[in-house]
Amino acid sequence: MPGLYAEVRDADQIWRGASGFADVRTGRPVRPDMRQRVGSITKTFTAAAVMQQVEQGRIQLDAPIGGHLPQLVPGERGRKITVRMLLNNTSGIPDYIPYAFPSLQAFPSLPDVSPKSLDDNRFRQFRPAELIEMGLAAPPAGEPGATPGVYSNTNYLLLGQLLEQVTGSPAEEYITHNVIERAGLRHTGFPTGPRIEGPHSRMYEAFYGLIDPPRDYSVYNMSWTGTGAALISTMEDLNRFYGKLLDGTIVNRSSLAQMQRTVPVRALDGSMITYGLGLHKVDTGCGTFWGHDGTVWGAGTISLTRTDGKRQMSVAVNLQRWNKPDSSGKPQPHPIDYALKALYRQATCGNGSAQAENALQVPGGFVP
């Protein structure tokens, strides 16, 4: 792992730390205040924005998405899939990423996968409708409303289009003014180009040993993920955001209760997660935590806040998909996995609780 940086809060005590390199070539060190592409943590911001519109009566959670976006989700699918199903990933709409990145389509069969499309798409400008169409054209991942749900970035691009339709503003603009600014975040925002503004690390992607040495993807056009995973933030801002979300500042208590209604969902790496409306639920030996993790090419982040808001951790790493495969092509456990679990356990529960070990998930799955 080239570099890692984090912030942990316990009531009014704050710890910030960093270790390793932001640039392995120059030896530039990482710092705790660096900006990071936080991947699917973006989904909590998008979900909060949707819930604000629910509070204002412009969106109903159990209304069909086809009533709002008939051109994007026409016919029977549009009538069956509700806003809630998009938010909690039970829509049955599959993820578009294997189609936007065709060289990854055979994953998890690593011998048949190539990182070529990661480079092909570095500066490509995608339209949300184009990506949504890819997801809708693929074989359904399940029946609308069925559980377990199947995690899909297509859902959150549709929610971005829904926000745009009901507010009359680009979704990123609405989220900026009504979620990011309401939370008082000073270093969080959607990118305006392929480069990250402000102090940041390089982002090294290994893709399970297919890219060796790992390649830097910190310069990247993030139109491929938009309202699903494009945000840039800092660990301090993430802790502040989840603290404000759980204390009722960003959405009201009724909306927060809806966001915390969970269902089982199969993540893109095949693992099962407990998912609400843009929120992961993580039960540990020292309480229930809420938050999200996220990964984009070369960057992984996790942010968790205990239900009472008093214990928080946000951790960023600048290498992804470090696990190398065995002879059958299956990625194998790596010492980094165990080191991160130990860090998460201590960050959430302190030294005294080993019970959290198996409940915490490591960022480093297939895609955001």
Protein backbone atom coordinates (compact mmCIF):
# COMPACT_ATOMS: atom_id res chain seq x y z
CA MET A 1 0.00 0.00 0.00
CA PRO A 2 1.77 3.21 -1.08
CA GLY A 3 -0.19 5.56 1.17
CA LEU A 4 -3.07 5.79 3.65
CA TYR A 5 -4.63 8.75 5.47
CA ALA A 6 -7.44 8.93 7.98
CA GLU A 7 -9.41 10.88 10.57
CA VAL A 8 -11.00 9.26 13.64
CA ARG A 9 -13.30 11.10 16.04
CA ASP A 10 -14.44 10.09 19.51
CA ALA A 11 -16.82 12.74 20.87
CA ASP A 12 -14.66 15.90 21.01
CA GLN A 13 -11.36 14.10 20.50
CA ILE A 14 -9.95 14.07 16.97
CA TRP A 15 -7.05 12.01 15.61
CA ARG A 16 -5.63 12.52 12.11
CA GLY A 17 -2.89 10.40 10.63
CA ALA A 18 -1.11 9.58 7.39
CA SER A 19 1.53 7.10 6.37
CA GLY A 20 3.41 6.42 3.15
CA PHE A 21 3.65 8.10 -0.21
CA ALA A 22 1.35 10.17 -2.38
CA ASP A 23 3.80 9.67 -5.26
CA VAL A 24 6.01 6.58 -5.29
CA ARG A 25 8.32 8.10 -7.90
CA THR A 26 9.19 11.32 -6.05
CA GLY A 27 8.65 10.10 -2.48
CA ARG A 28 6.14 12.90 -1.78
CA PRO A 29 4.36 11.91 1.46
CA VAL A 30 0.60 11.60 1.95
CA ARG A 31 -1.06 14.04 4.37
CA PRO A 32 -4.25 13.64 6.43
CA ASP A 33 -5.90 16.64 4.72
CA MET A 34 -5.51 15.40 1.15
CA ARG A 35 -8.48 15.40 -1.23
CA GLN A 36 -9.64 11.99 -2.44
CA ARG A 37 -11.94 10.60 -5.11
CA VAL A 38 -14.38 8.93 -2.70
CA GLY A 39 -16.31 6.77 -5.16
CA SER A 40 -19.68 5.43 -4.06
CA ILE A 41 -19.74 7.50 -0.88
CA THR A 42 -21.29 9.91 -3.41
CA LYS A 43 -24.43 7.77 -3.25
CA THR A 44 -25.25 8.92 0.28
CA PHE A 45 -25.11 12.55 -0.91
CA THR A 46 -27.38 11.76 -3.86
CA ALA A 47 -29.82 9.83 -1.64
CA ALA A 48 -29.95 12.72 0.85
CA ALA A 49 -30.77 15.13 -1.97
CA VAL A 50 -33.60 12.85 -3.15
CA MET A 51 -34.98 12.66 0.40
CA GLN A 52 -35.06 16.47 0.60
CA GLN A 53 -37.31 16.43 -2.46
CA VAL A 54 -39.46 13.75 -0.80
CA GLU A 55 -39.85 16.11 2.18
CA GLN A 56 -41.00 18.86 -0.18
CA GLY A 57 -43.57 16.56 -1.80
CA ARG A 58 -41.97 16.61 -5.26
CA ILE A 59 -40.95 12.93 -5.10
CA GLN A 60 -42.77 9.98 -3.55
CA LEU A 61 -40.61 7.05 -2.50
CA ASP A 62 -43.03 4.41 -3.68
CA ALA A 63 -44.04 6.11 -6.92
CA PRO A 64 -42.97 4.47 -10.21
CA ILE A 65 -39.88 5.99 -11.80
CA GLY A 66 -41.60 5.82 -15.18
CA GLY A 67 -43.95 8.57 -14.05
CA HIS A 68 -40.98 10.93 -13.79
CA LEU A 69 -38.63 9.58 -16.47
CA PRO A 70 -40.80 7.79 -19.08
CA GLN A 71 -38.21 8.26 -21.85
CA LEU A 72 -35.42 6.68 -19.78
CA VAL A 73 -37.40 3.84 -18.15
CA PRO A 74 -40.37 3.16 -20.43
CA GLY A 75 -43.09 0.55 -20.34
CA GLU A 76 -43.69 -2.10 -17.71
CA ARG A 77 -40.30 -1.62 -16.10
CA GLY A 78 -41.00 2.06 -15.56
CA ARG A 79 -44.34 1.17 -13.95
CA LYS A 80 -42.88 -1.50 -11.63
CA ILE A 81 -39.66 0.17 -10.45
CA THR A 82 -40.09 2.74 -7.71
CA VAL A 83 -37.81 5.51 -6.45
CA ARG A 84 -37.20 3.48 -3.28
CA MET A 85 -36.03 0.49 -5.37
CA LEU A 86 -33.46 2.69 -7.07
CA LEU A 87 -32.26 4.03 -3.72
CA ASN A 88 -31.88 0.62 -2.04
CA ASN A 89 -30.67 -1.26 -5.14
CA THR A 90 -33.67 -3.59 -5.47
CA SER A 91 -34.71 -2.30 -8.92
CA GLY A 92 -33.27 -5.31 -10.75
CA ILE A 93 -31.53 -2.96 -13.20
CA PRO A 94 -27.98 -4.23 -13.73
CA ASP A 95 -24.82 -2.20 -13.57
CA TYR A 96 -23.67 -0.49 -16.76
CA ILE A 97 -19.93 -0.55 -15.95
CA PRO A 98 -19.07 -3.85 -17.70
CA TYR A 99 -20.57 -2.33 -20.88
CA ALA A 100 -18.92 1.08 -20.52
CA PHE A 101 -15.61 -0.73 -19.89
CA PRO A 102 -15.93 -3.67 -22.33
CA SER A 103 -12.47 -5.11 -21.63
CA LEU A 104 -13.74 -5.88 -18.08
CA GLN A 105 -16.89 -7.66 -19.22
CA ALA A 106 -15.59 -11.16 -18.49
CA PHE A 107 -14.79 -10.33 -14.83
CA PRO A 108 -14.31 -12.25 -12.54
CA SER A 109 -12.58 -14.50 -15.10
CA LEU A 110 -9.26 -12.66 -14.90
CA PRO A 111 -7.57 -14.51 -17.80
CA ASP A 112 -10.28 -13.04 -20.07
CA VAL A 113 -10.06 -9.50 -18.66
CA SER A 114 -7.86 -6.63 -19.79
CA PRO A 115 -7.37 -3.12 -18.38
CA LYS A 116 -7.41 -1.66 -21.91
CA SER A 117 -10.74 0.15 -21.51
CA LEU A 118 -9.53 1.90 -18.34
CA ASP A 119 -7.05 3.73 -20.56
CA ASP A 120 -9.45 4.08 -23.50
CA ASN A 121 -11.99 5.89 -21.24
CA ARG A 122 -9.56 8.16 -19.39
CA PHE A 123 -10.74 11.28 -21.22
CA ARG A 124 -14.01 9.99 -22.67
CA GLN A 125 -17.11 12.10 -22.00
CA PHE A 126 -20.13 9.92 -21.23
CA ARG A 127 -23.72 11.17 -21.08
CA PRO A 128 -25.84 9.81 -18.18
CA ALA A 129 -28.56 8.69 -20.60
CA GLU A 130 -25.99 6.73 -22.61
CA LEU A 131 -24.82 4.84 -19.50
CA ILE A 132 -28.37 4.27 -18.24
CA GLU A 133 -29.30 2.79 -21.63
CA MET A 134 -26.39 0.32 -21.31
CA GLY A 135 -27.71 -0.86 -17.94
CA LEU A 136 -31.30 -1.15 -19.10
CA ALA A 137 -30.30 -3.05 -22.25
CA ALA A 138 -28.43 -5.71 -20.24
CA PRO A 139 -30.17 -8.85 -18.90
CA PRO A 140 -32.09 -7.91 -15.70
CA ALA A 141 -30.33 -8.63 -12.42
CA GLY A 142 -33.62 -9.54 -10.73
CA GLU A 143 -37.30 -8.71 -10.42
CA PRO A 144 -38.17 -5.17 -9.26
CA GLY A 145 -38.46 -5.14 -5.46
CA ALA A 146 -37.01 -8.62 -4.98
CA THR A 147 -34.41 -9.29 -2.30
CA PRO A 148 -31.56 -9.67 -2.08
CA GLY A 149 -31.08 -6.64 -4.26
CA VAL A 150 -28.16 -6.28 -6.65
CA TYR A 151 -25.91 -3.24 -6.29
CA SER A 152 -25.97 -1.13 -9.45
CA ASN A 153 -24.55 2.25 -10.38
CA THR A 154 -27.28 2.57 -13.01
CA ASN A 155 -29.78 3.19 -10.19
CA TYR A 156 -27.90 6.25 -8.98
CA LEU A 157 -27.49 7.78 -12.43
CA LEU A 158 -31.27 7.49 -12.76
CA LEU A 159 -31.66 9.24 -9.40
CA GLY A 160 -29.43 12.03 -10.68
CA GLN A 161 -31.72 12.41 -13.70
CA LEU A 162 -34.74 12.37 -11.38
CA LEU A 163 -33.25 15.19 -9.30
CA GLU A 164 -32.61 17.21 -12.43
CA GLN A 165 -36.17 16.68 -13.63
CA VAL A 166 -37.88 17.74 -10.37
CA THR A 167 -35.54 20.61 -9.40
CA GLY A 168 -34.81 22.10 -12.81
CA SER A 169 -31.09 22.18 -11.95
CA PRO A 170 -28.24 19.83 -12.81
CA ALA A 171 -28.13 17.19 -10.09
CA GLU A 172 -24.52 18.00 -9.17
CA GLU A 173 -25.48 21.65 -8.72
CA TYR A 174 -28.48 20.80 -6.52
CA ILE A 175 -26.41 18.43 -4.36
CA THR A 176 -23.70 21.07 -4.00
CA HIS A 177 -26.07 23.80 -2.79
CA ASN A 178 -28.43 21.69 -0.69
CA VAL A 179 -26.30 18.90 0.73
CA ILE A 180 -22.60 19.83 0.59
CA GLU A 181 -23.08 23.48 1.57
CA ARG A 182 -25.77 22.66 4.14
CA ALA A 183 -23.30 20.33 5.85
CA GLY A 184 -20.66 23.07 5.88
CA LEU A 185 -18.15 21.07 3.84
CA ARG A 186 -15.26 23.16 2.54
CA HIS A 187 -13.26 20.65 0.51
CA THR A 188 -15.98 18.53 -1.13
CA GLY A 189 -17.35 18.82 -4.65
CA PHE A 190 -17.92 17.30 -8.04
CA PRO A 191 -14.96 17.55 -10.41
CA THR A 192 -15.13 20.11 -13.21
CA GLY A 193 -12.45 18.39 -15.29
CA PRO A 194 -10.22 15.33 -15.25
CA ARG A 195 -7.83 16.75 -12.63
CA ILE A 196 -8.29 17.00 -8.86
CA GLU A 197 -7.87 20.53 -7.56
CA GLY A 198 -5.95 21.00 -4.32
CA PRO A 199 -3.54 18.68 -2.48
CA HIS A 200 -4.09 15.06 -3.45
CA SER A 201 -2.36 11.76 -3.98
CA ARG A 202 -1.72 9.84 -7.12
CA MET A 203 -4.12 6.89 -7.46
CA TYR A 204 -2.57 3.51 -8.22
CA GLU A 205 -4.63 0.76 -9.87
CA ALA A 206 -3.30 -2.83 -9.91
CA PHE A 207 -6.46 -4.63 -11.11
CA TYR A 208 -5.57 -7.91 -9.47
CA GLY A 209 -2.06 -8.01 -10.88
CA LEU A 210 -3.05 -7.22 -14.47
CA ILE A 211 -1.43 -3.77 -14.15
CA ASP A 212 2.10 -4.31 -12.83
CA PRO A 213 3.49 -2.00 -11.67
CA PRO A 214 0.21 -0.29 -10.66
CA ARG A 215 -0.70 2.68 -12.89
CA ASP A 216 -1.73 6.17 -11.77
CA TYR A 217 -5.35 7.07 -12.63
CA SER A 218 -5.64 10.30 -10.63
CA VAL A 219 -6.26 12.23 -13.88
CA TYR A 220 -9.57 10.87 -15.18
CA ASN A 221 -12.84 12.10 -16.68
CA MET A 222 -15.41 11.05 -14.08
CA SER A 223 -18.44 11.35 -16.36
CA TRP A 224 -18.50 7.54 -16.33
CA THR A 225 -19.96 7.63 -12.82
CA GLY A 226 -21.48 11.08 -12.12
CA THR A 227 -24.03 11.11 -9.27
CA GLY A 228 -23.07 7.52 -8.46
CA ALA A 229 -19.41 7.94 -7.53
CA ALA A 230 -17.72 11.12 -8.82
CA LEU A 231 -17.34 13.21 -5.63
CA ILE A 232 -14.01 14.47 -4.29
CA SER A 233 -13.72 15.05 -0.54
CA THR A 234 -11.43 14.89 2.50
CA MET A 235 -11.59 12.60 5.50
CA GLU A 236 -12.48 15.55 7.75
CA ASP A 237 -15.35 16.55 5.46
CA LEU A 238 -16.70 12.98 5.29
CA ASN A 239 -16.84 12.68 9.07
CA ARG A 240 -18.55 16.05 9.23
CA PHE A 241 -21.06 15.05 6.55
CA TYR A 242 -22.14 11.79 8.17
CA GLY A 243 -22.31 13.48 11.56
CA LYS A 244 -24.65 16.14 10.14
CA LEU A 245 -26.72 13.52 8.32
CA LEU A 246 -27.27 11.43 11.45
CA ASP A 247 -28.10 14.46 13.65
CA GLY A 248 -30.94 15.55 11.35
CA THR A 249 -29.27 18.61 9.81
CA ILE A 250 -29.35 17.49 6.16
CA VAL A 251 -32.64 15.55 6.11
CA ASN A 252 -35.32 15.39 8.78
CA ARG A 253 -35.71 12.52 11.25
CA SER A 254 -38.47 10.88 9.23
CA SER A 255 -36.29 10.86 6.12
CA LEU A 256 -33.34 9.52 8.08
CA ALA A 257 -35.54 6.68 9.39
CA GLN A 258 -36.41 5.80 5.79
CA MET A 259 -32.73 5.86 4.82
CA GLN A 260 -32.00 3.43 7.67
CA ARG A 261 -34.60 0.86 6.53
CA THR A 262 -32.32 -1.84 5.16
CA VAL A 263 -32.48 -4.84 2.84
CA PRO A 264 -29.86 -7.44 1.89
CA VAL A 265 -27.98 -6.46 -1.27
CA ARG A 266 -25.35 -8.33 -3.26
CA ALA A 267 -22.37 -6.07 -3.90
CA LEU A 268 -20.50 -6.05 -7.19
CA ASP A 269 -17.74 -8.23 -5.71
CA GLY A 270 -20.34 -10.86 -4.77
CA SER A 271 -20.40 -10.14 -1.02
CA MET A 272 -23.65 -9.43 0.85
CA ILE A 273 -24.17 -6.03 2.44
CA THR A 274 -26.96 -4.53 4.54
CA TYR A 275 -28.16 -1.52 2.56
CA GLY A 276 -30.66 1.26 3.20
CA LEU A 277 -31.32 4.30 1.02
CA GLY A 278 -27.76 5.24 0.12
CA LEU A 279 -26.44 3.97 3.46
CA HIS A 280 -24.60 0.84 4.56
CA LYS A 281 -25.41 -0.56 7.99
CA VAL A 282 -22.43 -2.15 9.77
CA ASP A 283 -22.98 -3.90 13.10
CA THR A 284 -19.84 -4.18 15.21
CA GLY A 285 -18.99 -5.34 18.71
CA CYS A 286 -19.23 -1.73 19.84
CA GLY A 287 -22.44 -0.55 18.22
CA THR A 288 -24.12 0.02 14.88
CA PHE A 289 -22.35 2.23 12.35
CA TRP A 290 -23.74 3.89 9.23
CA GLY A 291 -21.89 5.13 6.18
CA HIS A 292 -20.54 3.90 2.87
CA ASP A 293 -17.39 2.80 1.15
CA GLY A 294 -16.26 3.60 -2.34
CA THR A 295 -13.67 2.76 -4.93
CA VAL A 296 -12.75 4.28 -8.27
CA TRP A 297 -9.71 3.42 -10.33
CA GLY A 298 -6.80 3.67 -7.90
CA ALA A 299 -8.58 5.09 -4.85
CA GLY A 300 -10.52 3.46 -2.01
CA THR A 301 -12.36 5.17 0.85
CA ILE A 302 -14.57 4.11 3.75
CA SER A 303 -16.49 6.36 6.15
CA LEU A 304 -18.48 5.05 9.13
CA THR A 305 -20.29 6.88 11.94
CA ARG A 306 -21.87 5.25 14.99
CA THR A 307 -25.62 5.74 15.37
CA ASP A 308 -25.13 8.24 18.23
CA GLY A 309 -22.70 10.25 16.06
CA LYS A 310 -19.94 10.18 18.66
CA ARG A 311 -17.54 7.71 17.09
CA GLN A 312 -16.46 8.21 13.47
CA MET A 313 -13.77 7.05 11.09
CA SER A 314 -12.87 7.92 7.52
CA VAL A 315 -9.96 6.16 5.83
CA ALA A 316 -8.46 6.67 2.35
CA VAL A 317 -6.00 4.47 0.45
CA ASN A 318 -4.26 5.14 -2.87
CA LEU A 319 -4.02 1.61 -4.29
CA GLN A 320 -6.90 -0.60 -5.42
CA ARG A 321 -7.43 -4.26 -6.34
CA TRP A 322 -4.10 -5.34 -4.87
CA ASN A 323 -5.12 -9.01 -4.49
CA LYS A 324 -3.30 -11.25 -6.95
CA PRO A 325 -5.07 -14.32 -8.37
CA ASP A 326 -4.29 -17.99 -7.83
CA SER A 327 -3.95 -20.45 -10.72
CA SER A 328 -7.74 -20.56 -11.11
CA GLY A 329 -7.92 -16.78 -11.48
CA LYS A 330 -9.51 -16.12 -8.08
CA PRO A 331 -8.07 -13.11 -6.19
CA GLN A 332 -6.37 -14.26 -2.98
CA PRO A 333 -6.32 -12.68 0.51
CA HIS A 334 -3.46 -10.23 1.00
CA PRO A 335 -1.74 -8.89 4.14
CA ILE A 336 -3.16 -5.45 3.25
CA ASP A 337 -6.67 -6.86 3.85
CA TYR A 338 -5.80 -7.95 7.40
CA ALA A 339 -3.95 -4.72 8.18
CA LEU A 340 -6.96 -2.65 7.06
CA LYS A 341 -9.37 -4.76 9.12
CA ALA A 342 -7.19 -4.24 12.18
CA LEU A 343 -7.14 -0.49 11.53
CA TYR A 344 -10.92 -0.34 11.06
CA ARG A 345 -11.47 -2.35 14.22
CA GLN A 346 -9.31 -0.04 16.29
CA ALA A 347 -10.74 3.10 14.66
CA THR A 348 -14.35 2.10 15.34
CA CYS A 349 -14.04 0.25 18.62
CA GLY A 350 -10.68 1.11 20.18
CA ASN A 351 -8.18 -1.49 21.36
CA GLY A 352 -10.58 -3.38 23.59
CA SER A 353 -13.07 -4.87 21.13
CA ALA A 354 -12.09 -7.68 18.80
CA GLN A 355 -15.74 -8.49 18.06
CA ALA A 356 -15.87 -5.98 15.22
CA GLU A 357 -13.27 -7.81 13.15
CA ASN A 358 -15.56 -9.80 10.92
CA ALA A 359 -18.23 -7.12 10.56
CA LEU A 360 -16.08 -4.51 8.85
CA GLN A 361 -15.66 -4.57 5.10
CA VAL A 362 -12.53 -3.61 3.24
CA PRO A 363 -12.78 -1.19 0.32
CA GLY A 364 -11.13 -2.87 -2.63
CA GLY A 365 -13.93 -4.59 -4.53
CA PHE A 366 -14.42 -4.62 -8.28
CA VAL A 367 -15.87 -1.18 -8.97
CA PRO A 368 -17.54 1.72 -7.08
